[in-house]
Amino acid sequence: MAVTKAAENVIGITGHALRLEAIRINPYGKTIKAKAHIQSKGWVDYGTITKDTIIGTVGEKKRIECLCFEGDFEYRVHIQSSGWTDWTKADGVATLGTVGQNLGLRLFSLDNLKKLEEYSRTILLENIVSLL
């Protein structure tokens, strides 16, 4: 079981039958655009997100299967039964996850490396994971 650490800008958990259903990112004035592929809904475009934007669903028991971001950061995801993807620039084109394979995301992480250190320190991730 992997438990996440807030200092690493990681949300989610592995080793349990829990799916990542929703995430909320506070961009603190930075421009971040988001899209997510949601179980049985398909691609949902959230446009430019705010601190109140919930990416995914709440109370619907639907997993996030794939994410696409545009902003000045890199990110990676942990895919059910597959593991971590490589770090990927949030260029608005690259997607991380799967579509049509019935696999959900378990973890989501923003880059906390040197070149993005100042930006990463200002990002607040809030985790919303279904327990059922």
C-alpha atoms as a PDB file:
ATOM      1  CA  MET A   1       0.000   0.000   0.000  1.00  0.00           C
ATOM      2  CA  ALA A   2       1.307   3.432  -0.913  1.00  0.00           C
ATOM      3  CA  VAL A   3       0.102   6.304   1.229  1.00  0.00           C
ATOM      4  CA  THR A   4       0.496   9.731  -0.306  1.00  0.00           C
ATOM      5  CA  LYS A   5       2.438  12.644   1.166  1.00  0.00           C
ATOM      6  CA  ALA A   6       1.172  16.206   0.782  1.00  0.00           C
ATOM      7  CA  ALA A   7       4.743  17.501   0.375  1.00  0.00           C
ATOM      8  CA  GLU A   8       5.046  15.507  -2.844  1.00  0.00           C
ATOM      9  CA  ASN A   9       1.889  17.052  -4.374  1.00  0.00           C
ATOM     10  CA  VAL A  10       0.341  13.595  -4.727  1.00  0.00           C
ATOM     11  CA  ILE A  11      -3.285  12.678  -4.164  1.00  0.00           C
ATOM     12  CA  GLY A  12      -4.911   9.259  -4.058  1.00  0.00           C
ATOM     13  CA  ILE A  13      -3.981   5.856  -2.690  1.00  0.00           C
ATOM     14  CA  THR A  14      -2.942   2.450  -3.986  1.00  0.00           C
ATOM     15  CA  GLY A  15      -3.405  -0.993  -2.469  1.00  0.00           C
ATOM     16  CA  HIS A  16      -7.137  -0.547  -1.928  1.00  0.00           C
ATOM     17  CA  ALA A  17     -10.122  -0.914  -4.224  1.00  0.00           C
ATOM     18  CA  LEU A  18     -10.569   2.870  -4.310  1.00  0.00           C
ATOM     19  CA  ARG A  19     -10.893   4.851  -7.478  1.00  0.00           C
ATOM     20  CA  LEU A  20      -9.991   8.485  -8.013  1.00  0.00           C
ATOM     21  CA  GLU A  21     -13.328  10.117  -8.753  1.00  0.00           C
ATOM     22  CA  ALA A  22     -12.578  13.811  -8.425  1.00  0.00           C
ATOM     23  CA  ILE A  23      -9.748  16.245  -7.843  1.00  0.00           C
ATOM     24  CA  ARG A  24      -9.657  19.939  -7.134  1.00  0.00           C
ATOM     25  CA  ILE A  25      -6.606  22.091  -7.830  1.00  0.00           C
ATOM     26  CA  ASN A  26      -6.209  25.635  -6.574  1.00  0.00           C
ATOM     27  CA  PRO A  27      -4.215  27.360  -9.334  1.00  0.00           C
ATOM     28  CA  TYR A  28      -3.517  30.465  -7.196  1.00  0.00           C
ATOM     29  CA  GLY A  29      -3.875  32.839 -10.127  1.00  0.00           C
ATOM     30  CA  LYS A  30      -2.051  30.651 -12.654  1.00  0.00           C
ATOM     31  CA  THR A  31      -3.873  29.572 -15.809  1.00  0.00           C
ATOM     32  CA  ILE A  32      -4.641  25.857 -15.871  1.00  0.00           C
ATOM     33  CA  LYS A  33      -7.022  24.233 -18.341  1.00  0.00           C
ATOM     34  CA  ALA A  34      -8.339  20.722 -17.723  1.00  0.00           C
ATOM     35  CA  LYS A  35     -10.146  17.880 -19.467  1.00  0.00           C
ATOM     36  CA  ALA A  36     -10.996  14.493 -18.008  1.00  0.00           C
ATOM     37  CA  HIS A  37     -12.331  11.243 -19.399  1.00  0.00           C
ATOM     38  CA  ILE A  38     -14.990  10.083 -16.925  1.00  0.00           C
ATOM     39  CA  GLN A  39     -16.406   6.552 -16.728  1.00  0.00           C
ATOM     40  CA  SER A  40     -19.551   6.282 -18.922  1.00  0.00           C
ATOM     41  CA  LYS A  41     -19.547  10.061 -19.608  1.00  0.00           C
ATOM     42  CA  GLY A  42     -16.562  10.398 -21.926  1.00  0.00           C
ATOM     43  CA  TRP A  43     -14.449  13.536 -22.231  1.00  0.00           C
ATOM     44  CA  VAL A  44     -15.507  16.535 -20.147  1.00  0.00           C
ATOM     45  CA  ASP A  45     -13.840  19.893 -20.868  1.00  0.00           C
ATOM     46  CA  TYR A  46     -13.560  22.036 -17.727  1.00  0.00           C
ATOM     47  CA  GLY A  47     -11.904  24.954 -19.520  1.00  0.00           C
ATOM     48  CA  THR A  48      -9.847  27.270 -17.323  1.00  0.00           C
ATOM     49  CA  ILE A  49     -10.193  25.992 -13.781  1.00  0.00           C
ATOM     50  CA  THR A  50     -10.564  27.915 -10.535  1.00  0.00           C
ATOM     51  CA  LYS A  51     -10.047  26.834  -6.933  1.00  0.00           C
ATOM     52  CA  ASP A  52     -13.699  25.740  -6.899  1.00  0.00           C
ATOM     53  CA  THR A  53     -13.602  23.577 -10.037  1.00  0.00           C
ATOM     54  CA  ILE A  54     -14.148  19.903  -9.310  1.00  0.00           C
ATOM     55  CA  ILE A  55     -12.621  17.732 -12.020  1.00  0.00           C
ATOM     56  CA  GLY A  56     -14.582  14.488 -12.105  1.00  0.00           C
ATOM     57  CA  THR A  57     -17.779  13.584 -10.272  1.00  0.00           C
ATOM     58  CA  VAL A  58     -18.929  13.534  -6.664  1.00  0.00           C
ATOM     59  CA  GLY A  59     -21.507  11.049  -5.420  1.00  0.00           C
ATOM     60  CA  GLU A  60     -21.878   9.301  -8.777  1.00  0.00           C
ATOM     61  CA  LYS A  61     -19.306   6.498  -8.220  1.00  0.00           C
ATOM     62  CA  LYS A  62     -17.641   7.228 -11.571  1.00  0.00           C
ATOM     63  CA  ARG A  63     -13.885   6.899 -11.965  1.00  0.00           C
ATOM     64  CA  ILE A  64     -11.557   9.342 -13.695  1.00  0.00           C
ATOM     65  CA  GLU A  65      -9.918   7.320 -16.468  1.00  0.00           C
ATOM     66  CA  CYS A  66      -7.743   9.885 -18.232  1.00  0.00           C
ATOM     67  CA  LEU A  67      -6.584  13.487 -17.699  1.00  0.00           C
ATOM     68  CA  CYS A  68      -5.353  16.270 -19.962  1.00  0.00           C
ATOM     69  CA  PHE A  69      -3.991  19.568 -18.614  1.00  0.00           C
ATOM     70  CA  GLU A  70      -2.622  22.773 -20.074  1.00  0.00           C
ATOM     71  CA  GLY A  71      -0.399  24.905 -17.855  1.00  0.00           C
ATOM     72  CA  ASP A  72       3.158  25.568 -16.782  1.00  0.00           C
ATOM     73  CA  PHE A  73       3.835  22.256 -14.996  1.00  0.00           C
ATOM     74  CA  GLU A  74       4.383  18.545 -15.496  1.00  0.00           C
ATOM     75  CA  TYR A  75       2.215  15.780 -14.097  1.00  0.00           C
ATOM     76  CA  ARG A  76       1.875  12.016 -13.952  1.00  0.00           C
ATOM     77  CA  VAL A  77      -0.801   9.533 -12.962  1.00  0.00           C
ATOM     78  CA  HIS A  78      -0.907   6.044 -11.511  1.00  0.00           C
ATOM     79  CA  ILE A  79      -3.139   3.815 -13.640  1.00  0.00           C
ATOM     80  CA  GLN A  80      -5.013   0.884 -12.105  1.00  0.00           C
ATOM     81  CA  SER A  81      -3.151  -2.420 -12.745  1.00  0.00           C
ATOM     82  CA  SER A  82      -0.432  -0.603 -14.720  1.00  0.00           C
ATOM     83  CA  GLY A  83       1.474   1.814 -12.455  1.00  0.00           C
ATOM     84  CA  TRP A  84       2.952   5.279 -12.863  1.00  0.00           C
ATOM     85  CA  THR A  85       3.165   7.022 -16.227  1.00  0.00           C
ATOM     86  CA  ASP A  86       6.189   9.125 -17.147  1.00  0.00           C
ATOM     87  CA  TRP A  87       6.234  12.809 -16.212  1.00  0.00           C
ATOM     88  CA  THR A  88       4.426  14.709 -18.972  1.00  0.00           C
ATOM     89  CA  LYS A  89       4.309  18.426 -19.802  1.00  0.00           C
ATOM     90  CA  ALA A  90       0.833  19.885 -19.383  1.00  0.00           C
ATOM     91  CA  ASP A  91       0.666  21.029 -23.004  1.00  0.00           C
ATOM     92  CA  GLY A  92      -3.083  20.594 -23.535  1.00  0.00           C
ATOM     93  CA  VAL A  93      -2.517  17.760 -26.026  1.00  0.00           C
ATOM     94  CA  ALA A  94      -0.897  14.873 -24.131  1.00  0.00           C
ATOM     95  CA  THR A  95      -3.282  12.684 -22.169  1.00  0.00           C
ATOM     96  CA  LEU A  96      -2.434  10.422 -19.236  1.00  0.00           C
ATOM     97  CA  GLY A  97      -4.586   7.413 -18.442  1.00  0.00           C
ATOM     98  CA  THR A  98      -6.664   5.115 -20.607  1.00  0.00           C
ATOM     99  CA  VAL A  99      -9.850   5.386 -22.640  1.00  0.00           C
ATOM    100  CA  GLY A 100     -12.076   2.380 -23.315  1.00  0.00           C
ATOM    101  CA  GLN A 101     -10.148  -0.042 -21.093  1.00  0.00           C
ATOM    102  CA  ASN A 102     -12.272   0.289 -17.929  1.00  0.00           C
ATOM    103  CA  LEU A 103      -9.222   1.293 -15.886  1.00  0.00           C
ATOM    104  CA  GLY A 104      -9.313   4.121 -13.405  1.00  0.00           C
ATOM    105  CA  LEU A 105      -6.651   6.424 -12.024  1.00  0.00           C
ATOM    106  CA  ARG A 106      -5.418   5.744  -8.498  1.00  0.00           C
ATOM    107  CA  LEU A 107      -2.982   8.623  -7.959  1.00  0.00           C
ATOM    108  CA  PHE A 108      -2.294  12.046  -9.456  1.00  0.00           C
ATOM    109  CA  SER A 109       0.922  14.016  -8.977  1.00  0.00           C
ATOM    110  CA  LEU A 110       2.175  17.455  -9.970  1.00  0.00           C
ATOM    111  CA  ASP A 111       5.875  17.990 -10.640  1.00  0.00           C
ATOM    112  CA  ASN A 112       7.873  19.349  -7.723  1.00  0.00           C
ATOM    113  CA  LEU A 113      11.213  19.633  -9.512  1.00  0.00           C
ATOM    114  CA  LYS A 114      13.673  22.556  -9.553  1.00  0.00           C
ATOM    115  CA  LYS A 115      12.428  24.467 -12.602  1.00  0.00           C
ATOM    116  CA  LEU A 116       8.857  24.387 -11.339  1.00  0.00           C
ATOM    117  CA  GLU A 117       9.660  24.661  -7.660  1.00  0.00           C
ATOM    118  CA  GLU A 118       8.152  28.108  -7.117  1.00  0.00           C
ATOM    119  CA  TYR A 119       4.995  27.196  -9.022  1.00  0.00           C
ATOM    120  CA  SER A 120       4.621  23.810  -7.313  1.00  0.00           C
ATOM    121  CA  ARG A 121       4.822  25.361  -3.857  1.00  0.00           C
ATOM    122  CA  THR A 122       1.799  27.502  -4.662  1.00  0.00           C
ATOM    123  CA  ILE A 123      -0.364  24.622  -5.897  1.00  0.00           C
ATOM    124  CA  LEU A 124      -2.794  23.172  -3.386  1.00  0.00           C
ATOM    125  CA  LEU A 125      -4.234  19.782  -4.176  1.00  0.00           C
ATOM    126  CA  GLU A 126      -7.398  18.638  -2.490  1.00  0.00           C
ATOM    127  CA  ASN A 127      -8.300  14.983  -2.696  1.00  0.00           C
ATOM    128  CA  ILE A 128     -11.832  13.680  -3.101  1.00  0.00           C
ATOM    129  CA  VAL A 129     -11.810   9.880  -3.211  1.00  0.00           C
ATOM    130  CA  SER A 130     -14.853   7.646  -2.918  1.00  0.00           C
ATOM    131  CA  LEU A 131     -14.706   5.194  -0.059  1.00  0.00           C
ATOM    132  CA  LEU A 132     -17.423   2.994  -1.554  1.00  0.00           C
END
